Amino acid sequence: LFQVTFPFTPSPHALELIQVPSSFRL
């Protein structure tokens, strides 16, 4: 099997501004 590679696409959103909802229990 050849190694599967996934292209990296940077997020257009600033990750430090993302709020994780408490319903995710994380």
mmCIF file of all heavy atoms, coordinates in Angstrom:
data_MODEL
# 
_entry.id   MODEL 
# 
loop_
_atom_site.group_PDB 
_atom_site.id 
_atom_site.type_symbol 
_atom_site.label_atom_id 
_atom_site.label_alt_id 
_atom_site.label_comp_id 
_atom_site.label_asym_id 
_atom_site.label_entity_id 
_atom_site.label_seq_id 
_atom_site.pdbx_PDB_ins_code 
_atom_site.Cartn_x 
_atom_site.Cartn_y 
_atom_site.Cartn_z 
_atom_site.occupancy 
_atom_site.B_iso_or_equiv 
_atom_site.pdbx_formal_charge 
_atom_site.auth_seq_id 
_atom_site.auth_comp_id 
_atom_site.auth_asym_id 
_atom_site.auth_atom_id 
_atom_site.pdbx_PDB_model_num 
ATOM 1   N N   . LEU A 1 1  ? 0.844   -1.192 0.000  1.00 0.00 ? 1  LEU A N   1 
ATOM 2   C CA  . LEU A 1 1  ? 0.000   0.000  0.000  1.00 0.00 ? 1  LEU A CA  1 
ATOM 3   C C   . LEU A 1 1  ? 0.874   1.235  0.000  1.00 0.00 ? 1  LEU A C   1 
ATOM 4   O O   . LEU A 1 1  ? 1.810   1.347  0.799  1.00 0.00 ? 1  LEU A O   1 
ATOM 5   C CB  . LEU A 1 1  ? -0.923  0.023  1.226  1.00 0.00 ? 1  LEU A CB  1 
ATOM 6   C CG  . LEU A 1 1  ? -1.930  -1.119 1.334  1.00 0.00 ? 1  LEU A CG  1 
ATOM 7   C CD1 . LEU A 1 1  ? -2.674  -1.046 2.660  1.00 0.00 ? 1  LEU A CD1 1 
ATOM 8   C CD2 . LEU A 1 1  ? -2.905  -1.073 0.177  1.00 0.00 ? 1  LEU A CD2 1 
ATOM 9   N N   . PHE A 1 2  ? 0.575   2.165  -0.888 1.00 0.00 ? 2  PHE A N   1 
ATOM 10  C CA  . PHE A 1 2  ? 1.288   3.429  -0.900 1.00 0.00 ? 2  PHE A CA  1 
ATOM 11  C C   . PHE A 1 2  ? 0.777   4.299  0.242  1.00 0.00 ? 2  PHE A C   1 
ATOM 12  O O   . PHE A 1 2  ? -0.390  4.215  0.625  1.00 0.00 ? 2  PHE A O   1 
ATOM 13  C CB  . PHE A 1 2  ? 1.080   4.156  -2.237 1.00 0.00 ? 2  PHE A CB  1 
ATOM 14  C CG  . PHE A 1 2  ? 1.770   3.477  -3.385 1.00 0.00 ? 2  PHE A CG  1 
ATOM 15  C CD1 . PHE A 1 2  ? 1.060   2.688  -4.263 1.00 0.00 ? 2  PHE A CD1 1 
ATOM 16  C CD2 . PHE A 1 2  ? 3.133   3.618  -3.574 1.00 0.00 ? 2  PHE A CD2 1 
ATOM 17  C CE1 . PHE A 1 2  ? 1.682   2.055  -5.315 1.00 0.00 ? 2  PHE A CE1 1 
ATOM 18  C CE2 . PHE A 1 2  ? 3.774   2.983  -4.624 1.00 0.00 ? 2  PHE A CE2 1 
ATOM 19  C CZ  . PHE A 1 2  ? 3.048   2.204  -5.493 1.00 0.00 ? 2  PHE A CZ  1 
ATOM 20  N N   . GLN A 1 3  ? 1.660   5.112  0.753  1.00 0.00 ? 3  GLN A N   1 
ATOM 21  C CA  . GLN A 1 3  ? 1.288   6.003  1.847  1.00 0.00 ? 3  GLN A CA  1 
ATOM 22  C C   . GLN A 1 3  ? 0.248   7.009  1.354  1.00 0.00 ? 3  GLN A C   1 
ATOM 23  O O   . GLN A 1 3  ? 0.381   7.589  0.293  1.00 0.00 ? 3  GLN A O   1 
ATOM 24  C CB  . GLN A 1 3  ? 2.526   6.736  2.344  1.00 0.00 ? 3  GLN A CB  1 
ATOM 25  C CG  . GLN A 1 3  ? 2.275   7.652  3.495  1.00 0.00 ? 3  GLN A CG  1 
ATOM 26  C CD  . GLN A 1 3  ? 3.564   8.302  3.983  1.00 0.00 ? 3  GLN A CD  1 
ATOM 27  O OE1 . GLN A 1 3  ? 4.646   7.936  3.577  1.00 0.00 ? 3  GLN A OE1 1 
ATOM 28  N NE2 . GLN A 1 3  ? 3.419   9.272  4.839  1.00 0.00 ? 3  GLN A NE2 1 
ATOM 29  N N   . VAL A 1 4  ? -0.787  7.197  2.157  1.00 0.00 ? 4  VAL A N   1 
ATOM 30  C CA  . VAL A 1 4  ? -1.830  8.155  1.821  1.00 0.00 ? 4  VAL A CA  1 
ATOM 31  C C   . VAL A 1 4  ? -1.418  9.502  2.390  1.00 0.00 ? 4  VAL A C   1 
ATOM 32  O O   . VAL A 1 4  ? -1.024  9.608  3.548  1.00 0.00 ? 4  VAL A O   1 
ATOM 33  C CB  . VAL A 1 4  ? -3.194  7.722  2.411  1.00 0.00 ? 4  VAL A CB  1 
ATOM 34  C CG1 . VAL A 1 4  ? -4.262  8.749  2.104  1.00 0.00 ? 4  VAL A CG1 1 
ATOM 35  C CG2 . VAL A 1 4  ? -3.593  6.369  1.865  1.00 0.00 ? 4  VAL A CG2 1 
ATOM 36  N N   . THR A 1 5  ? -1.495  10.516 1.569  1.00 0.00 ? 5  THR A N   1 
ATOM 37  C CA  . THR A 1 5  ? -1.169  11.865 2.033  1.00 0.00 ? 5  THR A CA  1 
ATOM 38  C C   . THR A 1 5  ? -2.382  12.761 1.857  1.00 0.00 ? 5  THR A C   1 
ATOM 39  O O   . THR A 1 5  ? -3.108  12.653 0.868  1.00 0.00 ? 5  THR A O   1 
ATOM 40  C CB  . THR A 1 5  ? 0.015   12.450 1.252  1.00 0.00 ? 5  THR A CB  1 
ATOM 41  O OG1 . THR A 1 5  ? -0.291  12.412 -0.145 1.00 0.00 ? 5  THR A OG1 1 
ATOM 42  C CG2 . THR A 1 5  ? 1.295   11.671 1.502  1.00 0.00 ? 5  THR A CG2 1 
ATOM 43  N N   . PHE A 1 6  ? -2.581  13.595 2.836  1.00 0.00 ? 6  PHE A N   1 
ATOM 44  C CA  . PHE A 1 6  ? -3.683  14.548 2.785  1.00 0.00 ? 6  PHE A CA  1 
ATOM 45  C C   . PHE A 1 6  ? -3.091  15.939 2.686  1.00 0.00 ? 6  PHE A C   1 
ATOM 46  O O   . PHE A 1 6  ? -2.204  16.284 3.476  1.00 0.00 ? 6  PHE A O   1 
ATOM 47  C CB  . PHE A 1 6  ? -4.566  14.437 4.040  1.00 0.00 ? 6  PHE A CB  1 
ATOM 48  C CG  . PHE A 1 6  ? -5.225  13.096 4.169  1.00 0.00 ? 6  PHE A CG  1 
ATOM 49  C CD1 . PHE A 1 6  ? -4.696  12.101 4.984  1.00 0.00 ? 6  PHE A CD1 1 
ATOM 50  C CD2 . PHE A 1 6  ? -6.372  12.806 3.445  1.00 0.00 ? 6  PHE A CD2 1 
ATOM 51  C CE1 . PHE A 1 6  ? -5.294  10.869 5.097  1.00 0.00 ? 6  PHE A CE1 1 
ATOM 52  C CE2 . PHE A 1 6  ? -6.979  11.568 3.543  1.00 0.00 ? 6  PHE A CE2 1 
ATOM 53  C CZ  . PHE A 1 6  ? -6.443  10.601 4.363  1.00 0.00 ? 6  PHE A CZ  1 
ATOM 54  N N   . PRO A 1 7  ? -3.568  16.730 1.769  1.00 0.00 ? 7  PRO A N   1 
ATOM 55  C CA  . PRO A 1 7  ? -3.002  18.076 1.646  1.00 0.00 ? 7  PRO A CA  1 
ATOM 56  C C   . PRO A 1 7  ? -3.375  18.923 2.869  1.00 0.00 ? 7  PRO A C   1 
ATOM 57  O O   . PRO A 1 7  ? -4.471  18.816 3.402  1.00 0.00 ? 7  PRO A O   1 
ATOM 58  C CB  . PRO A 1 7  ? -3.657  18.632 0.379  1.00 0.00 ? 7  PRO A CB  1 
ATOM 59  C CG  . PRO A 1 7  ? -4.889  17.817 0.193  1.00 0.00 ? 7  PRO A CG  1 
ATOM 60  C CD  . PRO A 1 7  ? -4.618  16.469 0.805  1.00 0.00 ? 7  PRO A CD  1 
ATOM 61  N N   . PHE A 1 8  ? -2.431  19.745 3.316  1.00 0.00 ? 8  PHE A N   1 
ATOM 62  C CA  . PHE A 1 8  ? -2.680  20.631 4.444  1.00 0.00 ? 8  PHE A CA  1 
ATOM 63  C C   . PHE A 1 8  ? -3.276  21.922 3.920  1.00 0.00 ? 8  PHE A C   1 
ATOM 64  O O   . PHE A 1 8  ? -2.715  22.575 3.042  1.00 0.00 ? 8  PHE A O   1 
ATOM 65  C CB  . PHE A 1 8  ? -1.387  20.926 5.204  1.00 0.00 ? 8  PHE A CB  1 
ATOM 66  C CG  . PHE A 1 8  ? -1.568  21.956 6.277  1.00 0.00 ? 8  PHE A CG  1 
ATOM 67  C CD1 . PHE A 1 8  ? -2.241  21.643 7.442  1.00 0.00 ? 8  PHE A CD1 1 
ATOM 68  C CD2 . PHE A 1 8  ? -1.092  23.247 6.103  1.00 0.00 ? 8  PHE A CD2 1 
ATOM 69  C CE1 . PHE A 1 8  ? -2.425  22.589 8.428  1.00 0.00 ? 8  PHE A CE1 1 
ATOM 70  C CE2 . PHE A 1 8  ? -1.273  24.194 7.087  1.00 0.00 ? 8  PHE A CE2 1 
ATOM 71  C CZ  . PHE A 1 8  ? -1.944  23.877 8.261  1.00 0.00 ? 8  PHE A CZ  1 
ATOM 72  N N   . THR A 1 9  ? -4.435  22.268 4.444  1.00 0.00 ? 9  THR A N   1 
ATOM 73  C CA  . THR A 1 9  ? -5.070  23.535 4.104  1.00 0.00 ? 9  THR A CA  1 
ATOM 74  C C   . THR A 1 9  ? -5.250  24.311 5.399  1.00 0.00 ? 9  THR A C   1 
ATOM 75  O O   . THR A 1 9  ? -6.001  23.882 6.283  1.00 0.00 ? 9  THR A O   1 
ATOM 76  C CB  . THR A 1 9  ? -6.452  23.298 3.453  1.00 0.00 ? 9  THR A CB  1 
ATOM 77  O OG1 . THR A 1 9  ? -6.295  22.366 2.386  1.00 0.00 ? 9  THR A OG1 1 
ATOM 78  C CG2 . THR A 1 9  ? -7.034  24.578 2.914  1.00 0.00 ? 9  THR A CG2 1 
ATOM 79  N N   . PRO A 1 10 ? -4.545  25.409 5.544  1.00 0.00 ? 10 PRO A N   1 
ATOM 80  C CA  . PRO A 1 10 ? -4.665  26.168 6.793  1.00 0.00 ? 10 PRO A CA  1 
ATOM 81  C C   . PRO A 1 10 ? -6.075  26.741 6.959  1.00 0.00 ? 10 PRO A C   1 
ATOM 82  O O   . PRO A 1 10 ? -6.742  27.088 5.987  1.00 0.00 ? 10 PRO A O   1 
ATOM 83  C CB  . PRO A 1 10 ? -3.626  27.273 6.653  1.00 0.00 ? 10 PRO A CB  1 
ATOM 84  C CG  . PRO A 1 10 ? -3.328  27.359 5.202  1.00 0.00 ? 10 PRO A CG  1 
ATOM 85  C CD  . PRO A 1 10 ? -3.644  26.024 4.590  1.00 0.00 ? 10 PRO A CD  1 
ATOM 86  N N   . SER A 1 11 ? -6.497  26.803 8.211  1.00 0.00 ? 11 SER A N   1 
ATOM 87  C CA  . SER A 1 11 ? -7.830  27.319 8.513  1.00 0.00 ? 11 SER A CA  1 
ATOM 88  C C   . SER A 1 11 ? -7.864  28.829 8.302  1.00 0.00 ? 11 SER A C   1 
ATOM 89  O O   . SER A 1 11 ? -6.948  29.539 8.705  1.00 0.00 ? 11 SER A O   1 
ATOM 90  C CB  . SER A 1 11 ? -8.188  27.007 9.969  1.00 0.00 ? 11 SER A CB  1 
ATOM 91  O OG  . SER A 1 11 ? -9.405  27.629 10.308 1.00 0.00 ? 11 SER A OG  1 
ATOM 92  N N   . PRO A 1 12 ? -8.930  29.327 7.711  1.00 0.00 ? 12 PRO A N   1 
ATOM 93  C CA  . PRO A 1 12 ? -9.043  30.777 7.532  1.00 0.00 ? 12 PRO A CA  1 
ATOM 94  C C   . PRO A 1 12 ? -9.459  31.472 8.838  1.00 0.00 ? 12 PRO A C   1 
ATOM 95  O O   . PRO A 1 12 ? -9.441  32.685 8.931  1.00 0.00 ? 12 PRO A O   1 
ATOM 96  C CB  . PRO A 1 12 ? -10.125 30.925 6.456  1.00 0.00 ? 12 PRO A CB  1 
ATOM 97  C CG  . PRO A 1 12 ? -10.948 29.690 6.586  1.00 0.00 ? 12 PRO A CG  1 
ATOM 98  C CD  . PRO A 1 12 ? -10.016 28.614 7.045  1.00 0.00 ? 12 PRO A CD  1 
ATOM 99  N N   . HIS A 1 13 ? -9.798  30.694 9.846  1.00 0.00 ? 13 HIS A N   1 
ATOM 100 C CA  . HIS A 1 13 ? -10.248 31.244 11.132 1.00 0.00 ? 13 HIS A CA  1 
ATOM 101 C C   . HIS A 1 13 ? -9.101  31.219 12.133 1.00 0.00 ? 13 HIS A C   1 
ATOM 102 O O   . HIS A 1 13 ? -8.345  30.252 12.198 1.00 0.00 ? 13 HIS A O   1 
ATOM 103 C CB  . HIS A 1 13 ? -11.423 30.424 11.682 1.00 0.00 ? 13 HIS A CB  1 
ATOM 104 C CG  . HIS A 1 13 ? -12.551 30.278 10.702 1.00 0.00 ? 13 HIS A CG  1 
ATOM 105 N ND1 . HIS A 1 13 ? -13.380 31.309 10.355 1.00 0.00 ? 13 HIS A ND1 1 
ATOM 106 C CD2 . HIS A 1 13 ? -12.965 29.210 9.982  1.00 0.00 ? 13 HIS A CD2 1 
ATOM 107 C CE1 . HIS A 1 13 ? -14.260 30.896 9.471  1.00 0.00 ? 13 HIS A CE1 1 
ATOM 108 N NE2 . HIS A 1 13 ? -14.031 29.611 9.214  1.00 0.00 ? 13 HIS A NE2 1 
ATOM 109 N N   . ALA A 1 14 ? -9.020  32.235 12.939 1.00 0.00 ? 14 ALA A N   1 
ATOM 110 C CA  . ALA A 1 14 ? -8.009  32.277 13.991 1.00 0.00 ? 14 ALA A CA  1 
ATOM 111 C C   . ALA A 1 14 ? -8.409  31.282 15.077 1.00 0.00 ? 14 ALA A C   1 
ATOM 112 O O   . ALA A 1 14 ? -9.459  31.418 15.709 1.00 0.00 ? 14 ALA A O   1 
ATOM 113 C CB  . ALA A 1 14 ? -7.907  33.686 14.561 1.00 0.00 ? 14 ALA A CB  1 
ATOM 114 N N   . LEU A 1 15 ? -7.598  30.274 15.296 1.00 0.00 ? 15 LEU A N   1 
ATOM 115 C CA  . LEU A 1 15 ? -7.944  29.199 16.214 1.00 0.00 ? 15 LEU A CA  1 
ATOM 116 C C   . LEU A 1 15 ? -8.057  29.679 17.663 1.00 0.00 ? 15 LEU A C   1 
ATOM 117 O O   . LEU A 1 15 ? -8.809  29.114 18.453 1.00 0.00 ? 15 LEU A O   1 
ATOM 118 C CB  . LEU A 1 15 ? -6.926  28.065 16.108 1.00 0.00 ? 15 LEU A CB  1 
ATOM 119 C CG  . LEU A 1 15 ? -6.881  27.353 14.748 1.00 0.00 ? 15 LEU A CG  1 
ATOM 120 C CD1 . LEU A 1 15 ? -5.816  26.267 14.757 1.00 0.00 ? 15 LEU A CD1 1 
ATOM 121 C CD2 . LEU A 1 15 ? -8.228  26.747 14.401 1.00 0.00 ? 15 LEU A CD2 1 
ATOM 122 N N   . GLU A 1 16 ? -7.322  30.738 18.016 1.00 0.00 ? 16 GLU A N   1 
ATOM 123 C CA  . GLU A 1 16 ? -7.391  31.222 19.394 1.00 0.00 ? 16 GLU A CA  1 
ATOM 124 C C   . GLU A 1 16 ? -8.725  31.900 19.697 1.00 0.00 ? 16 GLU A C   1 
ATOM 125 O O   . GLU A 1 16 ? -9.081  32.102 20.850 1.00 0.00 ? 16 GLU A O   1 
ATOM 126 C CB  . GLU A 1 16 ? -6.219  32.168 19.712 1.00 0.00 ? 16 GLU A CB  1 
ATOM 127 C CG  . GLU A 1 16 ? -6.106  33.383 18.813 1.00 0.00 ? 16 GLU A CG  1 
ATOM 128 C CD  . GLU A 1 16 ? -5.302  33.117 17.546 1.00 0.00 ? 16 GLU A CD  1 
ATOM 129 O OE1 . GLU A 1 16 ? -4.787  32.000 17.377 1.00 0.00 ? 16 GLU A OE1 1 
ATOM 130 O OE2 . GLU A 1 16 ? -5.232  34.036 16.721 1.00 0.00 ? 16 GLU A OE2 1 
ATOM 131 N N   . LEU A 1 17 ? -9.509  32.205 18.674 1.00 0.00 ? 17 LEU A N   1 
ATOM 132 C CA  . LEU A 1 17 ? -10.802 32.843 18.871 1.00 0.00 ? 17 LEU A CA  1 
ATOM 133 C C   . LEU A 1 17 ? -11.964 31.853 18.899 1.00 0.00 ? 17 LEU A C   1 
ATOM 134 O O   . LEU A 1 17 ? -13.090 32.230 19.219 1.00 0.00 ? 17 LEU A O   1 
ATOM 135 C CB  . LEU A 1 17 ? -11.060 33.883 17.772 1.00 0.00 ? 17 LEU A CB  1 
ATOM 136 C CG  . LEU A 1 17 ? -10.034 35.030 17.680 1.00 0.00 ? 17 LEU A CG  1 
ATOM 137 C CD1 . LEU A 1 17 ? -10.369 35.930 16.510 1.00 0.00 ? 17 LEU A CD1 1 
ATOM 138 C CD2 . LEU A 1 17 ? -9.973  35.802 18.983 1.00 0.00 ? 17 LEU A CD2 1 
ATOM 139 N N   . ILE A 1 18 ? -11.710 30.616 18.608 1.00 0.00 ? 18 ILE A N   1 
ATOM 140 C CA  . ILE A 1 18 ? -12.778 29.616 18.555 1.00 0.00 ? 18 ILE A CA  1 
ATOM 141 C C   . ILE A 1 18 ? -13.179 29.218 19.979 1.00 0.00 ? 18 ILE A C   1 
ATOM 142 O O   . ILE A 1 18 ? -12.335 28.945 20.832 1.00 0.00 ? 18 ILE A O   1 
ATOM 143 C CB  . ILE A 1 18 ? -12.326 28.369 17.767 1.00 0.00 ? 18 ILE A CB  1 
ATOM 144 C CG1 . ILE A 1 18 ? -12.107 28.747 16.304 1.00 0.00 ? 18 ILE A CG1 1 
ATOM 145 C CG2 . ILE A 1 18 ? -13.347 27.241 17.880 1.00 0.00 ? 18 ILE A CG2 1 
ATOM 146 C CD1 . ILE A 1 18 ? -11.611 27.610 15.441 1.00 0.00 ? 18 ILE A CD1 1 
ATOM 147 N N   . GLN A 1 19 ? -14.479 29.189 20.218 1.00 0.00 ? 19 GLN A N   1 
ATOM 148 C CA  . GLN A 1 19 ? -15.042 28.771 21.506 1.00 0.00 ? 19 GLN A CA  1 
ATOM 149 C C   . GLN A 1 19 ? -15.593 27.351 21.348 1.00 0.00 ? 19 GLN A C   1 
ATOM 150 O O   . GLN A 1 19 ? -16.385 27.086 20.453 1.00 0.00 ? 19 GLN A O   1 
ATOM 151 C CB  . GLN A 1 19 ? -16.178 29.716 21.927 1.00 0.00 ? 19 GLN A CB  1 
ATOM 152 C CG  . GLN A 1 19 ? -15.731 31.134 22.203 1.00 0.00 ? 19 GLN A CG  1 
ATOM 153 C CD  . GLN A 1 19 ? -14.830 31.203 23.424 1.00 0.00 ? 19 GLN A CD  1 
ATOM 154 O OE1 . GLN A 1 19 ? -15.061 30.517 24.424 1.00 0.00 ? 19 GLN A OE1 1 
ATOM 155 N NE2 . GLN A 1 19 ? -13.795 32.019 23.337 1.00 0.00 ? 19 GLN A NE2 1 
ATOM 156 N N   . VAL A 1 20 ? -15.164 26.440 22.225 1.00 0.00 ? 20 VAL A N   1 
ATOM 157 C CA  . VAL A 1 20 ? -15.641 25.061 22.192 1.00 0.00 ? 20 VAL A CA  1 
ATOM 158 C C   . VAL A 1 20 ? -16.876 24.986 23.085 1.00 0.00 ? 20 VAL A C   1 
ATOM 159 O O   . VAL A 1 20 ? -16.811 25.292 24.276 1.00 0.00 ? 20 VAL A O   1 
ATOM 160 C CB  . VAL A 1 20 ? -14.557 24.088 22.695 1.00 0.00 ? 20 VAL A CB  1 
ATOM 161 C CG1 . VAL A 1 20 ? -15.078 22.652 22.685 1.00 0.00 ? 20 VAL A CG1 1 
ATOM 162 C CG2 . VAL A 1 20 ? -13.296 24.200 21.845 1.00 0.00 ? 20 VAL A CG2 1 
ATOM 163 N N   . PRO A 1 21 ? -18.029 24.608 22.524 1.00 0.00 ? 21 PRO A N   1 
ATOM 164 C CA  . PRO A 1 21 ? -19.257 24.528 23.327 1.00 0.00 ? 21 PRO A CA  1 
ATOM 165 C C   . PRO A 1 21 ? -19.116 23.509 24.458 1.00 0.00 ? 21 PRO A C   1 
ATOM 166 O O   . PRO A 1 21 ? -18.486 22.462 24.290 1.00 0.00 ? 21 PRO A O   1 
ATOM 167 C CB  . PRO A 1 21 ? -20.328 24.092 22.327 1.00 0.00 ? 21 PRO A CB  1 
ATOM 168 C CG  . PRO A 1 21 ? -19.736 24.343 20.981 1.00 0.00 ? 21 PRO A CG  1 
ATOM 169 C CD  . PRO A 1 21 ? -18.275 24.284 21.131 1.00 0.00 ? 21 PRO A CD  1 
ATOM 170 N N   . SER A 1 22 ? -19.696 23.793 25.598 1.00 0.00 ? 22 SER A N   1 
ATOM 171 C CA  . SER A 1 22 ? -19.614 22.889 26.753 1.00 0.00 ? 22 SER A CA  1 
ATOM 172 C C   . SER A 1 22 ? -20.360 21.579 26.486 1.00 0.00 ? 22 SER A C   1 
ATOM 173 O O   . SER A 1 22 ? -20.089 20.564 27.119 1.00 0.00 ? 22 SER A O   1 
ATOM 174 C CB  . SER A 1 22 ? -20.164 23.578 28.001 1.00 0.00 ? 22 SER A CB  1 
ATOM 175 O OG  . SER A 1 22 ? -21.517 23.938 27.783 1.00 0.00 ? 22 SER A OG  1 
ATOM 176 N N   . SER A 1 23 ? -21.307 21.583 25.553 1.00 0.00 ? 23 SER A N   1 
ATOM 177 C CA  . SER A 1 23 ? -22.062 20.363 25.237 1.00 0.00 ? 23 SER A CA  1 
ATOM 178 C C   . SER A 1 23 ? -21.161 19.292 24.625 1.00 0.00 ? 23 SER A C   1 
ATOM 179 O O   . SER A 1 23 ? -21.511 18.114 24.599 1.00 0.00 ? 23 SER A O   1 
ATOM 180 C CB  . SER A 1 23 ? -23.220 20.691 24.286 1.00 0.00 ? 23 SER A CB  1 
ATOM 181 O OG  . SER A 1 23 ? -22.706 21.219 23.073 1.00 0.00 ? 23 SER A OG  1 
ATOM 182 N N   . PHE A 1 24 ? -19.967 19.672 24.153 1.00 0.00 ? 24 PHE A N   1 
ATOM 183 C CA  . PHE A 1 24 ? -19.023 18.690 23.610 1.00 0.00 ? 24 PHE A CA  1 
ATOM 184 C C   . PHE A 1 24 ? -18.327 17.905 24.719 1.00 0.00 ? 24 PHE A C   1 
ATOM 185 O O   . PHE A 1 24 ? -17.675 16.918 24.454 1.00 0.00 ? 24 PHE A O   1 
ATOM 186 C CB  . PHE A 1 24 ? -17.972 19.364 22.731 1.00 0.00 ? 24 PHE A CB  1 
ATOM 187 C CG  . PHE A 1 24 ? -18.462 19.815 21.378 1.00 0.00 ? 24 PHE A CG  1 
ATOM 188 C CD1 . PHE A 1 24 ? -17.635 20.578 20.572 1.00 0.00 ? 24 PHE A CD1 1 
ATOM 189 C CD2 . PHE A 1 24 ? -19.715 19.474 20.894 1.00 0.00 ? 24 PHE A CD2 1 
ATOM 190 C CE1 . PHE A 1 24 ? -18.050 20.992 19.324 1.00 0.00 ? 24 PHE A CE1 1 
ATOM 191 C CE2 . PHE A 1 24 ? -20.136 19.896 19.659 1.00 0.00 ? 24 PHE A CE2 1 
ATOM 192 C CZ  . PHE A 1 24 ? -19.313 20.651 18.870 1.00 0.00 ? 24 PHE A CZ  1 
ATOM 193 N N   . ARG A 1 25 ? -18.444 18.387 25.954 1.00 0.00 ? 25 ARG A N   1 
ATOM 194 C CA  . ARG A 1 25 ? -17.818 17.757 27.129 1.00 0.00 ? 25 ARG A CA  1 
ATOM 195 C C   . ARG A 1 25 ? -16.321 17.541 26.919 1.00 0.00 ? 25 ARG A C   1 
ATOM 196 O O   . ARG A 1 25 ? -15.782 16.430 27.089 1.00 0.00 ? 25 ARG A O   1 
ATOM 197 C CB  . ARG A 1 25 ? -18.511 16.447 27.467 1.00 0.00 ? 25 ARG A CB  1 
ATOM 198 C CG  . ARG A 1 25 ? -19.963 16.657 27.881 1.00 0.00 ? 25 ARG A CG  1 
ATOM 199 C CD  . ARG A 1 25 ? -20.544 15.389 28.482 1.00 0.00 ? 25 ARG A CD  1 
ATOM 200 N NE  . ARG A 1 25 ? -21.893 15.671 28.944 1.00 0.00 ? 25 ARG A NE  1 
ATOM 201 C CZ  . ARG A 1 25 ? -22.979 15.133 28.441 1.00 0.00 ? 25 ARG A CZ  1 
ATOM 202 N NH1 . ARG A 1 25 ? -22.896 14.253 27.483 1.00 0.00 ? 25 ARG A NH1 1 
ATOM 203 N NH2 . ARG A 1 25 ? -24.177 15.450 28.908 1.00 0.00 ? 25 ARG A NH2 1 
ATOM 204 N N   . LEU A 1 26 ? -15.661 18.601 26.522 1.00 0.00 ? 26 LEU A N   1 
ATOM 205 C CA  . LEU A 1 26 ? -14.214 18.559 26.309 1.00 0.00 ? 26 LEU A CA  1 
ATOM 206 C C   . LEU A 1 26 ? -13.507 19.446 27.313 1.00 0.00 ? 26 LEU A C   1 
ATOM 207 O O   . LEU A 1 26 ? -12.560 20.163 27.002 1.00 0.00 ? 26 LEU A O   1 
ATOM 208 C CB  . LEU A 1 26 ? -13.885 19.003 24.877 1.00 0.00 ? 26 LEU A CB  1 
ATOM 209 C CG  . LEU A 1 26 ? -14.412 18.119 23.741 1.00 0.00 ? 26 LEU A CG  1 
ATOM 210 C CD1 . LEU A 1 26 ? -14.151 18.752 22.398 1.00 0.00 ? 26 LEU A CD1 1 
ATOM 211 C CD2 . LEU A 1 26 ? -13.807 16.736 23.815 1.00 0.00 ? 26 LEU A CD2 1 
# 
